[in-house]
Amino acid sequence: MKRLHQSKSMKERLEPLLKKMSQLCIDTFLVSDLHVIRWLTGFSGSSARVLLSPHRSLLFTDFRYAEQVKQEVDGMESVIIQTSYVDSFVGGGYLQGKRMAIQEEEVTVYEARQLGEKLNEVEIVPVHGFFYEFRAMKNDMEIDCMRQAAAISEQVLEQILPLISPDVTEVDIAAEISYRHRRLGAERDAFDPVVAAGPRSALPHAKPGADRFRPGTLIVIDMGCIYRGYASDQTRTIALGKAPKEAREIYNITREAQQLGIDSALPGMPGKELDALVRGYIEKHGYGEHFGHGLGHGVGVEVHEKPRLGKLSDDILPLRSVFTIEPGIYLPGKYGVRIEDTVVMEEGGVVPFQRFTKELVEL
């Protein structure tokens, strides 16, 4: 039953891609991005290419993954290469037609030159962002995987909070996050955990340091994991001991701004419109210059993908898209606050995956 479901999913994935290729007069599409390959086929190896065509779609990989590809991929033929990818495409007679698209954002100059030299009768067509619209709208399986990834990270957060004390460091807690993610069934971290306390909490993507936690400080914990190929992403800000008055103030503003984003998001809304709404709330309270990053980003097989929510974004928020809402206020040399949920867009608005409290936790 599982394999039949996988085959059906593969067919459903391929049909709109082949239709778009036909509209662009593309005969063959060379897929190089491993994230797209994972999304399309389920293959998790570190080396692969996919050739899409209306006649025959193929996944190419090497001997290291000969058995793995059998276990992970159903509904698409696989080819185990003996030479380079380019030589395999040319020598195996796998290419159809006269126009082959490549992902211009992924193919190296060297590989593009090789393709041009060895396929001199085939027009190489650079294409950008071909898969964005398809990846932005998630199916039930993808949403379930991300919901489970979020549940794992929340369990980890609950487990690590009692470990935070003046006797441990940011690095200690970050290591516990990575370890516990795997213990609870994740493949790996979705990104290196951010654990930043005191003045370092004002650095949005601080690397964990070796200093011990100090009472009376805020601690930003940004974490996520990969479960069956799909990511989670969440941030909570906590305090060790009683938080200073100003820290509590910016915490409450950030929490209210984040809830405003959750309450206001609707299907088809431009990402920059939601960003402007939340940013305006923070600006109204006098902290606009201290919120310097975008409101959020899509989440899927990558932890950062379409749609983007920011001042310059042209993306809309489609039905069944999954993205973050993560405003922050950062006061250099003092402290920072960020609160982040990953949400799924439904008919009536967004539903967060995370359930962990957004009231200020003071340990």
Protein backbone atom coordinates (compact mmCIF):
# COMPACT_ATOMS: atom_id res chain seq x y z
CA MET A 1 0.00 0.00 0.00
CA LYS A 2 2.86 2.36 0.87
CA ARG A 3 4.57 1.86 -2.50
CA LEU A 4 1.32 2.43 -4.39
CA HIS A 5 0.83 5.66 -2.47
CA GLN A 6 4.39 6.74 -3.30
CA SER A 7 3.87 6.00 -7.02
CA LYS A 8 0.65 7.98 -7.04
CA SER A 9 2.42 10.90 -5.33
CA MET A 10 5.23 10.78 -7.91
CA LYS A 11 2.72 10.92 -10.75
CA GLU A 12 0.92 13.83 -9.12
CA ARG A 13 4.23 15.67 -8.71
CA LEU A 14 5.36 15.06 -12.30
CA GLU A 15 2.20 16.00 -14.18
CA PRO A 16 2.19 19.78 -13.47
CA LEU A 17 5.97 19.96 -13.97
CA LEU A 18 5.72 18.33 -17.41
CA LYS A 19 2.82 20.62 -18.29
CA LYS A 20 4.86 23.71 -17.43
CA MET A 21 7.81 22.33 -19.42
CA SER A 22 5.54 21.94 -22.43
CA GLN A 23 4.32 25.53 -22.06
CA LEU A 24 7.96 26.71 -22.07
CA CYS A 25 8.80 24.46 -25.05
CA ILE A 26 11.31 22.50 -22.94
CA ASP A 27 11.93 18.88 -23.99
CA THR A 28 14.13 17.80 -21.08
CA PHE A 29 14.86 19.34 -17.67
CA LEU A 30 18.09 18.59 -15.81
CA VAL A 31 17.44 18.92 -12.05
CA SER A 32 20.61 19.50 -10.00
CA ASP A 33 19.29 20.85 -6.69
CA LEU A 34 19.34 18.06 -4.10
CA HIS A 35 16.51 19.70 -2.16
CA VAL A 36 14.29 19.64 -5.24
CA ILE A 37 15.32 16.03 -5.89
CA ARG A 38 14.36 15.08 -2.32
CA TRP A 39 11.03 16.89 -2.66
CA LEU A 40 10.32 15.24 -6.01
CA THR A 41 11.53 11.68 -5.41
CA GLY A 42 12.21 11.14 -1.70
CA PHE A 43 15.87 10.34 -2.40
CA SER A 44 18.11 11.59 0.43
CA GLY A 45 21.58 10.82 -0.94
CA SER A 46 24.27 13.48 -1.30
CA SER A 47 24.82 13.04 -5.04
CA ALA A 48 22.12 12.84 -7.71
CA ARG A 49 20.63 14.37 -10.83
CA VAL A 50 17.15 13.96 -12.30
CA LEU A 51 16.22 14.17 -15.97
CA LEU A 52 12.58 15.07 -16.51
CA SER A 53 10.92 14.47 -19.85
CA PRO A 54 7.42 13.54 -21.08
CA HIS A 55 8.79 10.23 -22.38
CA ARG A 56 10.86 9.03 -19.43
CA SER A 57 12.00 10.60 -16.17
CA LEU A 58 15.15 9.22 -14.55
CA LEU A 59 17.12 9.62 -11.33
CA PHE A 60 20.91 9.28 -11.68
CA THR A 61 23.19 8.52 -8.76
CA ASP A 62 26.35 6.53 -8.09
CA PHE A 63 27.29 3.13 -6.65
CA ARG A 64 27.24 4.34 -3.04
CA TYR A 65 23.46 4.74 -3.25
CA ALA A 66 22.55 1.74 -5.42
CA GLU A 67 20.59 0.09 -2.60
CA GLN A 68 19.38 3.27 -0.94
CA VAL A 69 17.69 4.52 -4.12
CA LYS A 70 15.72 1.26 -4.33
CA GLN A 71 14.43 1.80 -0.80
CA GLU A 72 13.59 5.49 -1.10
CA VAL A 73 12.37 6.02 -4.67
CA ASP A 74 9.28 4.51 -6.23
CA GLY A 75 7.62 5.70 -9.43
CA MET A 76 10.81 6.84 -11.17
CA GLU A 77 13.53 4.74 -12.80
CA SER A 78 17.05 5.04 -11.42
CA VAL A 79 20.39 4.81 -13.24
CA ILE A 80 23.65 4.02 -11.42
CA ILE A 81 26.37 5.96 -13.21
CA GLN A 82 29.92 4.74 -13.85
CA THR A 83 31.34 8.04 -15.14
CA SER A 84 30.47 11.71 -14.67
CA TYR A 85 26.86 12.83 -14.86
CA VAL A 86 27.41 14.69 -18.12
CA ASP A 87 29.14 11.73 -19.76
CA SER A 88 26.34 9.45 -18.53
CA PHE A 89 23.65 11.67 -20.03
CA VAL A 90 25.47 11.88 -23.36
CA GLY A 91 26.74 8.31 -23.65
CA GLY A 92 23.55 6.65 -22.45
CA GLY A 93 21.29 8.28 -25.01
CA TYR A 94 18.91 9.51 -22.32
CA LEU A 95 18.30 13.00 -23.69
CA GLN A 96 15.18 13.67 -25.76
CA GLY A 97 14.47 16.64 -28.03
CA LYS A 98 16.44 19.77 -28.82
CA ARG A 99 15.88 22.02 -25.78
CA MET A 100 17.14 21.10 -22.31
CA ALA A 101 16.52 23.33 -19.29
CA ILE A 102 18.98 23.64 -16.42
CA GLN A 103 18.57 25.26 -13.01
CA GLU A 104 20.69 28.34 -13.48
CA GLU A 105 20.84 28.96 -9.73
CA GLU A 106 22.32 25.50 -9.11
CA VAL A 107 24.41 24.39 -12.11
CA THR A 108 28.09 25.35 -11.87
CA VAL A 109 29.80 27.23 -14.69
CA TYR A 110 32.01 24.18 -15.22
CA GLU A 111 29.08 21.79 -15.58
CA ALA A 112 27.21 24.19 -17.87
CA ARG A 113 30.30 24.47 -20.08
CA GLN A 114 30.61 20.68 -20.21
CA LEU A 115 26.97 20.34 -21.20
CA GLY A 116 27.37 22.94 -23.92
CA GLU A 117 30.47 21.27 -25.34
CA LYS A 118 29.16 17.70 -25.30
CA LEU A 119 25.59 18.46 -26.30
CA ASN A 120 26.36 20.79 -29.18
CA GLU A 121 23.14 19.88 -30.97
CA VAL A 122 20.98 20.59 -27.91
CA GLU A 123 20.00 24.11 -26.85
CA ILE A 124 20.74 24.64 -23.14
CA VAL A 125 18.05 26.85 -21.59
CA PRO A 126 18.86 28.42 -18.17
CA VAL A 127 15.70 28.61 -16.03
CA HIS A 128 15.37 30.26 -12.62
CA GLY A 129 12.86 29.33 -9.91
CA PHE A 130 11.00 26.74 -11.97
CA PHE A 131 9.92 24.69 -8.93
CA TYR A 132 9.06 27.51 -6.50
CA GLU A 133 5.32 27.63 -7.17
CA PHE A 134 4.96 23.85 -6.84
CA ARG A 135 6.99 23.53 -3.65
CA ALA A 136 5.15 26.42 -1.96
CA MET A 137 1.85 24.50 -1.70
CA LYS A 138 2.21 21.46 0.54
CA ASN A 139 0.28 18.21 0.39
CA ASP A 140 -1.04 16.28 3.41
CA MET A 141 2.09 14.13 3.72
CA GLU A 142 4.38 17.16 3.75
CA ILE A 143 2.27 18.98 6.34
CA ASP A 144 2.16 15.88 8.54
CA CYS A 145 5.95 15.54 8.40
CA MET A 146 6.47 19.19 9.35
CA ARG A 147 3.94 18.95 12.13
CA GLN A 148 5.84 15.95 13.52
CA ALA A 149 9.17 17.78 13.13
CA ALA A 150 7.71 20.67 15.12
CA ALA A 151 6.46 18.27 17.81
CA ILE A 152 9.93 16.78 18.17
CA SER A 153 11.54 20.20 18.58
CA GLU A 154 8.95 21.21 21.15
CA GLN A 155 9.67 18.06 23.18
CA VAL A 156 13.35 18.94 23.04
CA LEU A 157 12.65 22.49 24.20
CA GLU A 158 10.69 21.18 27.17
CA GLN A 159 13.55 18.83 28.04
CA ILE A 160 16.35 21.39 27.84
CA LEU A 161 14.77 24.24 29.80
CA PRO A 162 15.34 22.52 33.19
CA LEU A 163 19.03 22.12 32.22
CA ILE A 164 19.62 25.88 31.93
CA SER A 165 21.43 27.29 34.94
CA PRO A 166 24.54 29.33 35.81
CA ASP A 167 26.46 26.04 35.76
CA VAL A 168 26.14 25.45 31.99
CA THR A 169 26.96 27.29 28.77
CA GLU A 170 25.21 28.12 25.50
CA VAL A 171 27.32 25.45 23.80
CA ASP A 172 26.17 22.86 26.35
CA ILE A 173 22.52 23.56 25.61
CA ALA A 174 23.04 23.65 21.84
CA ALA A 175 24.72 20.24 22.02
CA GLU A 176 21.80 18.88 24.05
CA ILE A 177 19.36 20.15 21.41
CA SER A 178 21.17 18.33 18.60
CA TYR A 179 21.52 15.13 20.63
CA ARG A 180 17.90 15.08 21.75
CA HIS A 181 16.55 15.82 18.28
CA ARG A 182 18.09 12.57 17.06
CA ARG A 183 17.07 10.64 20.17
CA LEU A 184 13.44 11.57 19.45
CA GLY A 185 13.52 10.46 15.81
CA ALA A 186 14.76 13.39 13.77
CA GLU A 187 17.27 12.86 10.96
CA ARG A 188 19.29 15.85 12.10
CA ASP A 189 19.04 19.54 13.02
CA ALA A 190 17.43 21.70 10.35
CA PHE A 191 20.17 24.28 11.11
CA ASP A 192 22.72 24.89 13.82
CA PRO A 193 20.77 25.77 16.98
CA VAL A 194 20.91 29.37 18.16
CA VAL A 195 21.31 29.69 21.92
CA ALA A 196 22.18 33.27 22.82
CA ALA A 197 22.01 34.86 26.27
CA GLY A 198 22.42 38.35 27.69
CA PRO A 199 23.80 40.93 25.23
CA ARG A 200 24.36 38.13 22.70
CA SER A 201 20.58 37.64 22.48
CA ALA A 202 20.58 40.88 20.45
CA LEU A 203 22.46 39.03 17.68
CA PRO A 204 19.70 37.43 15.55
CA HIS A 205 21.84 34.48 14.42
CA ALA A 206 24.42 34.27 17.18
CA LYS A 207 26.58 31.16 17.42
CA PRO A 208 26.47 29.53 20.86
CA GLY A 209 29.35 30.67 23.04
CA ALA A 210 31.29 29.26 25.97
CA ASP A 211 30.13 31.77 28.61
CA ARG A 212 27.91 30.50 31.41
CA PHE A 213 24.34 31.78 31.76
CA ARG A 214 23.82 34.68 34.12
CA PRO A 215 20.70 35.36 36.18
CA GLY A 216 18.51 38.26 35.06
CA THR A 217 19.19 37.78 31.35
CA LEU A 218 17.10 36.87 28.31
CA ILE A 219 17.97 33.76 26.30
CA VAL A 220 16.94 33.32 22.65
CA ILE A 221 16.61 29.68 21.57
CA ASP A 222 16.07 29.13 17.84
CA MET A 223 15.92 25.48 16.79
CA GLY A 224 14.49 23.02 14.30
CA CYS A 225 14.93 19.51 13.00
CA ILE A 226 14.44 17.41 9.88
CA TYR A 227 11.86 14.63 10.00
CA ARG A 228 11.45 12.43 6.91
CA GLY A 229 13.00 15.14 4.81
CA TYR A 230 10.97 18.09 6.13
CA ALA A 231 12.00 20.88 8.47
CA SER A 232 10.70 22.56 11.59
CA ASP A 233 11.66 26.02 12.82
CA GLN A 234 10.77 27.69 16.11
CA THR A 235 12.10 30.36 18.44
CA ARG A 236 11.28 31.13 22.03
CA THR A 237 12.87 33.72 24.31
CA ILE A 238 13.07 32.93 28.00
CA ALA A 239 14.62 34.52 31.07
CA LEU A 240 16.95 33.05 33.64
CA GLY A 241 15.58 34.56 36.82
CA LYS A 242 13.58 37.80 36.87
CA ALA A 243 13.78 39.74 33.60
CA PRO A 244 14.50 43.50 33.74
CA LYS A 245 11.55 45.85 33.15
CA GLU A 246 12.74 46.99 29.69
CA ALA A 247 13.30 43.38 28.63
CA ARG A 248 9.76 42.49 29.67
CA GLU A 249 8.47 45.46 27.73
CA ILE A 250 10.09 44.48 24.44
CA TYR A 251 9.09 40.89 25.06
CA ASN A 252 5.42 41.84 25.33
CA ILE A 253 5.57 44.03 22.23
CA THR A 254 7.18 41.21 20.25
CA ARG A 255 4.61 38.68 21.50
CA GLU A 256 1.72 40.97 20.58
CA ALA A 257 3.23 41.70 17.16
CA GLN A 258 3.69 37.99 16.48
CA GLN A 259 0.08 37.26 17.45
CA LEU A 260 -1.05 40.09 15.18
CA GLY A 261 0.75 38.36 12.32
CA ILE A 262 -0.94 35.04 13.10
CA ASP A 263 -4.39 36.65 13.39
CA SER A 264 -4.03 38.70 10.18
CA ALA A 265 -2.61 36.22 7.66
CA LEU A 266 -5.04 35.13 4.92
CA PRO A 267 -4.73 33.02 1.75
CA GLY A 268 -3.48 35.05 -1.23
CA MET A 269 -2.12 37.85 0.97
CA PRO A 270 1.19 39.34 -0.22
CA GLY A 271 4.06 38.47 2.09
CA LYS A 272 5.19 42.09 2.23
CA GLU A 273 1.70 43.18 3.33
CA LEU A 274 1.79 40.93 6.38
CA ASP A 275 5.37 42.05 7.07
CA ALA A 276 4.30 45.71 6.90
CA LEU A 277 1.39 45.13 9.27
CA VAL A 278 3.55 43.53 11.96
CA ARG A 279 6.45 45.90 11.37
CA GLY A 280 4.08 48.84 11.73
CA TYR A 281 2.98 47.59 15.15
CA ILE A 282 6.59 47.43 16.35
CA GLU A 283 7.33 50.86 14.84
CA LYS A 284 4.30 52.33 16.62
CA HIS A 285 5.86 51.27 19.91
CA GLY A 286 9.16 52.95 19.08
CA TYR A 287 11.28 49.92 18.17
CA GLY A 288 11.04 49.87 14.36
CA GLU A 289 14.77 50.40 13.85
CA HIS A 290 15.45 47.37 16.05
CA PHE A 291 13.51 44.94 13.85
CA GLY A 292 15.86 44.57 10.90
CA HIS A 293 15.02 41.23 9.29
CA GLY A 294 12.01 39.92 7.39
CA LEU A 295 8.90 38.66 9.15
CA GLY A 296 9.30 35.09 7.93
CA HIS A 297 10.06 32.53 5.25
CA GLY A 298 8.66 29.37 3.76
CA VAL A 299 9.56 26.00 5.27
CA GLY A 300 9.65 22.60 3.57
CA VAL A 301 12.50 20.33 2.54
CA GLU A 302 14.59 23.45 3.18
CA VAL A 303 14.24 25.49 6.32
CA HIS A 304 14.35 28.67 4.21
CA GLU A 305 12.34 28.60 0.98
CA LYS A 306 9.41 30.33 -0.69
CA PRO A 307 7.25 32.21 0.15
CA ARG A 308 9.24 35.05 1.70
CA LEU A 309 7.71 37.61 4.04
CA GLY A 310 9.65 40.86 3.94
CA LYS A 311 9.72 44.43 2.70
CA LEU A 312 11.00 43.47 -0.75
CA SER A 313 9.12 40.21 -1.23
CA ASP A 314 6.89 39.74 -4.27
CA ASP A 315 5.56 36.42 -2.98
CA ILE A 316 1.97 35.74 -2.00
CA LEU A 317 0.91 33.37 0.77
CA PRO A 318 -1.01 30.60 -1.01
CA LEU A 319 -3.41 28.12 0.52
CA ARG A 320 -1.51 25.19 2.10
CA SER A 321 1.75 27.11 2.20
CA VAL A 322 3.89 26.66 5.31
CA PHE A 323 5.95 29.56 6.61
CA THR A 324 7.25 31.23 9.75
CA ILE A 325 6.06 34.33 11.56
CA GLU A 326 9.01 35.58 13.61
CA PRO A 327 9.24 39.25 14.55
CA GLY A 328 12.06 40.34 16.81
CA ILE A 329 13.39 43.35 18.70
CA TYR A 330 17.14 43.59 19.27
CA LEU A 331 18.75 46.21 21.52
CA PRO A 332 22.54 46.07 20.93
CA GLY A 333 24.58 45.49 24.07
CA LYS A 334 21.48 44.72 26.14
CA TYR A 335 19.16 41.94 25.00
CA GLY A 336 17.02 40.70 22.16
CA VAL A 337 13.67 38.98 21.78
CA ARG A 338 12.37 36.79 18.95
CA ILE A 339 9.23 34.65 18.96
CA GLU A 340 8.68 32.30 16.04
CA ASP A 341 6.03 29.80 15.02
CA THR A 342 5.78 27.81 11.82
CA VAL A 343 2.24 28.02 10.45
CA VAL A 344 0.18 26.37 7.72
CA MET A 345 -2.21 28.48 5.63
CA GLU A 346 -5.76 27.13 5.70
CA GLU A 347 -9.01 28.54 4.28
CA GLY A 348 -9.70 30.78 7.27
CA GLY A 349 -6.12 31.80 8.03
CA VAL A 350 -3.02 30.24 9.54
CA VAL A 351 -2.70 27.51 12.14
CA PRO A 352 0.60 27.28 14.09
CA PHE A 353 2.35 23.95 14.50
CA GLN A 354 3.88 25.03 17.80
CA ARG A 355 1.92 24.96 21.05
CA PHE A 356 4.60 25.96 23.55
CA THR A 357 3.57 28.98 25.58
CA LYS A 358 4.44 32.45 24.40
CA GLU A 359 4.13 33.95 27.87
CA LEU A 360 7.55 34.87 29.22
CA VAL A 361 9.05 31.86 31.00
CA GLU A 362 11.32 32.90 33.89
CA LEU A 363 13.38 29.96 35.08
